Each structure stands twice: as C-alpha cells, then as structure tokens.
Amino acid sequence: MRDYIDFISEKEEIAEVDARELIAKSPLAEEYPDASAAMLLDETRRIIHLDGTSSTTYHKIIKLFNRRGIEKFGEVFITYNAWGERITIKKARTFKLDGTIIDATSIKDIFPLEGYRLYSNISQKVISMPALEEGVTIEYQYTLDDY
C-alpha cells in the first residue's frame, strides 16, 4: 500500500519559500523583548486523493531570539501513527548568523508509549536542530502520508 501512495499522488510541491529572504526581513529580538522566538513561516498543505488517503506537508521557519527559544524549538517532536502514516523529513536545517547553513544529522525515532499495548502504534520523529545559538533561524519541512 505504501508504494501505491507514491503512484497515485501528483508530485505537487508547496511553492518554494526563500528562507533567506524571510530571514533578511525578520524582526530583531529587541523589537519583541518578551518573545523567545518569531515564527516566520507556518505553512500546512493537505492533498486528499481520490481513494481517501492524504498527504500533509508542514513547513516552519522560526527565528530563535534567546535561550528560551532554543529550549522550546531546538528539538522538534513530530508525533505520528506508525501503523497508518509514513513520515518523510524534507528539510531540517539551521541558518547561522554568518549565513552558513547546517543540516540536521540527528533525526531519531522514539516510541513514547511503547509500554502501553493500546498505544504501541504511536511514534515520534525527533529532530535535534544543529548549531543553535541566539539569533539563528531554523527551518524544517516534512510530509505525513496516511494509507
């Protein structure tokens, strides 16, 4: 069934967002002294196929202002149903202050409720964003396909 999803889906992609342009226009921490981060992009797109399956793509770009922002957004937890969904990480990276881009290399699967038989299908992808410091911007994009 997983291969069938690839066959029926039209390879439509979310229009590419220029992350560097968003970062260049992003607010400074001084403009929002009580905020820990600024959400520059929070986009969701769902495609529902004729057979009832769907693909949902999430794309987030977040500027981290301070230590609180790093703690809140430095690890991304994506919960999904391992028995009925497939997850594909498309992007996971950090834009450093000097303009360099560091791709995330630590992406793990965890099973937070594995001791509970009723919920043994619940899984999480955990992305540890790299090179975090005050002022960096993180970007991640992933797709959940149900089948």
C-alpha atoms as a PDB file:
ATOM      1  CA  MET A   1       0.000   0.000   0.000  1.00  0.00           C
ATOM      2  CA  ARG A   2       2.868   2.431   0.699  1.00  0.00           C
ATOM      3  CA  ASP A   3       4.057   2.245  -2.919  1.00  0.00           C
ATOM      4  CA  TYR A   4       0.509   2.908  -4.063  1.00  0.00           C
ATOM      5  CA  ILE A   5       0.523   6.304  -2.342  1.00  0.00           C
ATOM      6  CA  ASP A   6       3.556   7.325  -4.382  1.00  0.00           C
ATOM      7  CA  PHE A   7       1.865   6.120  -7.574  1.00  0.00           C
ATOM      8  CA  ILE A   8      -1.408   7.994  -7.131  1.00  0.00           C
ATOM      9  CA  SER A   9      -0.055  11.231  -5.770  1.00  0.00           C
ATOM     10  CA  GLU A  10       0.632  14.036  -8.138  1.00  0.00           C
ATOM     11  CA  LYS A  11       4.086  15.299  -7.336  1.00  0.00           C
ATOM     12  CA  GLU A  12       2.808  18.736  -6.403  1.00  0.00           C
ATOM     13  CA  GLU A  13       5.115  20.587  -4.072  1.00  0.00           C
ATOM     14  CA  ILE A  14       4.498  23.549  -1.861  1.00  0.00           C
ATOM     15  CA  ALA A  15       5.786  26.623  -3.656  1.00  0.00           C
ATOM     16  CA  GLU A  16       9.346  27.166  -2.539  1.00  0.00           C
ATOM     17  CA  VAL A  17       9.751  29.862   0.051  1.00  0.00           C
ATOM     18  CA  ASP A  18      13.010  31.800   0.046  1.00  0.00           C
ATOM     19  CA  ALA A  19      14.111  31.315   3.646  1.00  0.00           C
ATOM     20  CA  ARG A  20      16.992  33.769   3.271  1.00  0.00           C
ATOM     21  CA  GLU A  21      14.570  36.476   2.156  1.00  0.00           C
ATOM     22  CA  LEU A  22      12.320  35.833   5.156  1.00  0.00           C
ATOM     23  CA  ILE A  23      15.334  35.925   7.481  1.00  0.00           C
ATOM     24  CA  ALA A  24      16.538  39.223   5.973  1.00  0.00           C
ATOM     25  CA  LYS A  25      13.118  40.774   6.625  1.00  0.00           C
ATOM     26  CA  SER A  26      12.662  39.167  10.046  1.00  0.00           C
ATOM     27  CA  PRO A  27      12.252  41.171  13.252  1.00  0.00           C
ATOM     28  CA  LEU A  28      15.071  41.714  15.714  1.00  0.00           C
ATOM     29  CA  ALA A  29      14.900  40.359  19.253  1.00  0.00           C
ATOM     30  CA  GLU A  30      14.965  43.954  20.551  1.00  0.00           C
ATOM     31  CA  GLU A  31      11.647  44.622  18.816  1.00  0.00           C
ATOM     32  CA  TYR A  32       9.997  41.861  20.875  1.00  0.00           C
ATOM     33  CA  PRO A  33      11.804  41.802  24.230  1.00  0.00           C
ATOM     34  CA  ASP A  34       9.327  39.385  25.844  1.00  0.00           C
ATOM     35  CA  ALA A  35       9.356  36.878  22.964  1.00  0.00           C
ATOM     36  CA  SER A  36      11.599  33.838  22.786  1.00  0.00           C
ATOM     37  CA  ALA A  37      11.247  33.390  19.014  1.00  0.00           C
ATOM     38  CA  ALA A  38       9.461  34.654  15.912  1.00  0.00           C
ATOM     39  CA  MET A  39       7.507  32.339  13.624  1.00  0.00           C
ATOM     40  CA  LEU A  40       8.487  33.486  10.137  1.00  0.00           C
ATOM     41  CA  LEU A  41       6.577  30.745   8.305  1.00  0.00           C
ATOM     42  CA  ASP A  42       3.970  28.233   9.462  1.00  0.00           C
ATOM     43  CA  GLU A  43       2.524  26.577   6.376  1.00  0.00           C
ATOM     44  CA  THR A  44       0.405  23.442   6.014  1.00  0.00           C
ATOM     45  CA  ARG A  45      -0.799  21.893   2.784  1.00  0.00           C
ATOM     46  CA  ARG A  46      -3.012  18.818   2.532  1.00  0.00           C
ATOM     47  CA  ILE A  47      -3.715  16.852  -0.620  1.00  0.00           C
ATOM     48  CA  ILE A  48      -6.614  14.411  -0.424  1.00  0.00           C
ATOM     49  CA  HIS A  49      -6.506  11.669  -3.030  1.00  0.00           C
ATOM     50  CA  LEU A  50      -9.498  10.052  -4.707  1.00  0.00           C
ATOM     51  CA  ASP A  51      -9.070   6.861  -2.671  1.00  0.00           C
ATOM     52  CA  GLY A  52      -9.345   8.764   0.627  1.00  0.00           C
ATOM     53  CA  THR A  53      -5.649   8.773   1.518  1.00  0.00           C
ATOM     54  CA  SER A  54      -3.936  12.083   2.056  1.00  0.00           C
ATOM     55  CA  SER A  55      -0.555  13.779   2.167  1.00  0.00           C
ATOM     56  CA  THR A  56       0.020  16.703   4.504  1.00  0.00           C
ATOM     57  CA  THR A  57       3.163  18.827   4.240  1.00  0.00           C
ATOM     58  CA  TYR A  58       4.246  21.100   7.081  1.00  0.00           C
ATOM     59  CA  HIS A  59       6.872  23.825   6.659  1.00  0.00           C
ATOM     60  CA  LYS A  60       8.123  26.006   9.514  1.00  0.00           C
ATOM     61  CA  ILE A  61      10.788  28.699   9.721  1.00  0.00           C
ATOM     62  CA  ILE A  62      11.486  30.062  13.209  1.00  0.00           C
ATOM     63  CA  LYS A  63      13.957  32.714  14.342  1.00  0.00           C
ATOM     64  CA  LEU A  64      15.283  31.992  17.840  1.00  0.00           C
ATOM     65  CA  PHE A  65      15.809  35.128  19.901  1.00  0.00           C
ATOM     66  CA  ASN A  66      17.217  33.752  23.139  1.00  0.00           C
ATOM     67  CA  ARG A  67      17.895  30.719  25.327  1.00  0.00           C
ATOM     68  CA  ARG A  68      14.157  30.156  25.921  1.00  0.00           C
ATOM     69  CA  GLY A  69      13.610  29.971  22.165  1.00  0.00           C
ATOM     70  CA  ILE A  70      16.448  27.478  21.800  1.00  0.00           C
ATOM     71  CA  GLU A  71      14.989  25.304  24.565  1.00  0.00           C
ATOM     72  CA  LYS A  72      11.468  25.497  23.136  1.00  0.00           C
ATOM     73  CA  PHE A  73      12.262  24.901  19.450  1.00  0.00           C
ATOM     74  CA  GLY A  74      15.721  23.272  19.472  1.00  0.00           C
ATOM     75  CA  GLU A  75      14.247  19.786  19.345  1.00  0.00           C
ATOM     76  CA  VAL A  76      11.296  19.115  17.073  1.00  0.00           C
ATOM     77  CA  PHE A  77       8.928  16.291  18.084  1.00  0.00           C
ATOM     78  CA  ILE A  78       6.611  15.017  15.348  1.00  0.00           C
ATOM     79  CA  THR A  79       4.004  12.526  16.545  1.00  0.00           C
ATOM     80  CA  TYR A  80       2.531  10.077  14.059  1.00  0.00           C
ATOM     81  CA  ASN A  81       0.753   6.728  13.820  1.00  0.00           C
ATOM     82  CA  ALA A  82       3.353   4.158  12.727  1.00  0.00           C
ATOM     83  CA  TRP A  83       0.603   1.758  11.616  1.00  0.00           C
ATOM     84  CA  GLY A  84      -1.138   4.176   9.294  1.00  0.00           C
ATOM     85  CA  GLU A  85       1.196   7.035   8.438  1.00  0.00           C
ATOM     86  CA  ARG A  86       4.557   7.448   6.761  1.00  0.00           C
ATOM     87  CA  ILE A  87       6.706  10.469   7.555  1.00  0.00           C
ATOM     88  CA  THR A  88       9.302  11.999   5.247  1.00  0.00           C
ATOM     89  CA  ILE A  89      11.638  14.726   6.505  1.00  0.00           C
ATOM     90  CA  LYS A  90      12.288  17.051   3.566  1.00  0.00           C
ATOM     91  CA  LYS A  91      14.343  19.752   5.305  1.00  0.00           C
ATOM     92  CA  ALA A  92      15.817  20.243   8.749  1.00  0.00           C
ATOM     93  CA  ARG A  93      18.478  22.915   8.989  1.00  0.00           C
ATOM     94  CA  THR A  94      19.830  25.914  10.833  1.00  0.00           C
ATOM     95  CA  PHE A  95      20.750  29.247   9.257  1.00  0.00           C
ATOM     96  CA  LYS A  96      23.647  30.607  11.284  1.00  0.00           C
ATOM     97  CA  LEU A  97      24.261  34.309  11.847  1.00  0.00           C
ATOM     98  CA  ASP A  98      27.141  34.320   9.338  1.00  0.00           C
ATOM     99  CA  GLY A  99      24.834  32.936   6.624  1.00  0.00           C
ATOM    100  CA  THR A 100      26.063  29.350   6.616  1.00  0.00           C
ATOM    101  CA  ILE A 101      23.508  26.554   6.620  1.00  0.00           C
ATOM    102  CA  ILE A 102      23.937  23.476   8.806  1.00  0.00           C
ATOM    103  CA  ASP A 103      21.753  20.443   8.029  1.00  0.00           C
ATOM    104  CA  ALA A 104      20.407  18.397  10.919  1.00  0.00           C
ATOM    105  CA  THR A 105      22.044  15.000  11.199  1.00  0.00           C
ATOM    106  CA  SER A 106      20.416  13.799  14.413  1.00  0.00           C
ATOM    107  CA  ILE A 107      16.952  12.513  13.494  1.00  0.00           C
ATOM    108  CA  LYS A 108      15.659   9.672  15.659  1.00  0.00           C
ATOM    109  CA  ASP A 109      12.545   7.564  16.050  1.00  0.00           C
ATOM    110  CA  ILE A 110      11.194   7.127  19.557  1.00  0.00           C
ATOM    111  CA  PHE A 111       8.190   5.265  20.880  1.00  0.00           C
ATOM    112  CA  PRO A 112       6.943   7.275  23.871  1.00  0.00           C
ATOM    113  CA  LEU A 113       4.133   4.880  24.814  1.00  0.00           C
ATOM    114  CA  GLU A 114       5.718   1.550  23.901  1.00  0.00           C
ATOM    115  CA  GLY A 115       4.960   0.095  27.341  1.00  0.00           C
ATOM    116  CA  TYR A 116       1.228   0.537  26.736  1.00  0.00           C
ATOM    117  CA  ARG A 117      -0.113  -2.060  24.287  1.00  0.00           C
ATOM    118  CA  LEU A 118      -3.135   0.015  23.341  1.00  0.00           C
ATOM    119  CA  TYR A 119      -0.913   2.879  22.155  1.00  0.00           C
ATOM    120  CA  SER A 120       2.041   0.943  20.749  1.00  0.00           C
ATOM    121  CA  ASN A 121       1.455   2.451  17.295  1.00  0.00           C
ATOM    122  CA  ILE A 122       2.294   5.980  18.470  1.00  0.00           C
ATOM    123  CA  SER A 123       5.739   7.052  17.282  1.00  0.00           C
ATOM    124  CA  GLN A 124       7.703  10.281  17.241  1.00  0.00           C
ATOM    125  CA  LYS A 125      10.425  11.595  14.989  1.00  0.00           C
ATOM    126  CA  VAL A 126      12.792  13.779  16.974  1.00  0.00           C
ATOM    127  CA  ILE A 127      14.915  16.267  15.063  1.00  0.00           C
ATOM    128  CA  SER A 128      17.743  17.842  17.051  1.00  0.00           C
ATOM    129  CA  MET A 129      18.433  21.125  15.300  1.00  0.00           C
ATOM    130  CA  PRO A 130      22.179  21.814  14.925  1.00  0.00           C
ATOM    131  CA  ALA A 131      24.388  24.820  15.709  1.00  0.00           C
ATOM    132  CA  LEU A 132      21.892  26.596  17.950  1.00  0.00           C
ATOM    133  CA  GLU A 133      22.697  29.982  19.414  1.00  0.00           C
ATOM    134  CA  GLU A 134      20.781  33.179  19.998  1.00  0.00           C
ATOM    135  CA  GLY A 135      19.715  34.796  16.728  1.00  0.00           C
ATOM    136  CA  VAL A 136      19.828  31.752  14.428  1.00  0.00           C
ATOM    137  CA  THR A 137      16.883  30.649  12.306  1.00  0.00           C
ATOM    138  CA  ILE A 138      15.714  27.057  11.984  1.00  0.00           C
ATOM    139  CA  GLU A 139      13.748  25.555   9.122  1.00  0.00           C
ATOM    140  CA  TYR A 140      12.080  22.188   8.877  1.00  0.00           C
ATOM    141  CA  GLN A 141       9.658  20.655   6.420  1.00  0.00           C
ATOM    142  CA  TYR A 142       8.081  17.217   6.498  1.00  0.00           C
ATOM    143  CA  THR A 143       5.261  15.260   4.900  1.00  0.00           C
ATOM    144  CA  LEU A 144       2.856  12.828   6.563  1.00  0.00           C
ATOM    145  CA  ASP A 145       1.232  10.342   4.191  1.00  0.00           C
ATOM    146  CA  ASP A 146      -1.645   8.281   5.508  1.00  0.00           C
ATOM    147  CA  TYR A 147      -2.568   4.958   3.991  1.00  0.00           C
END
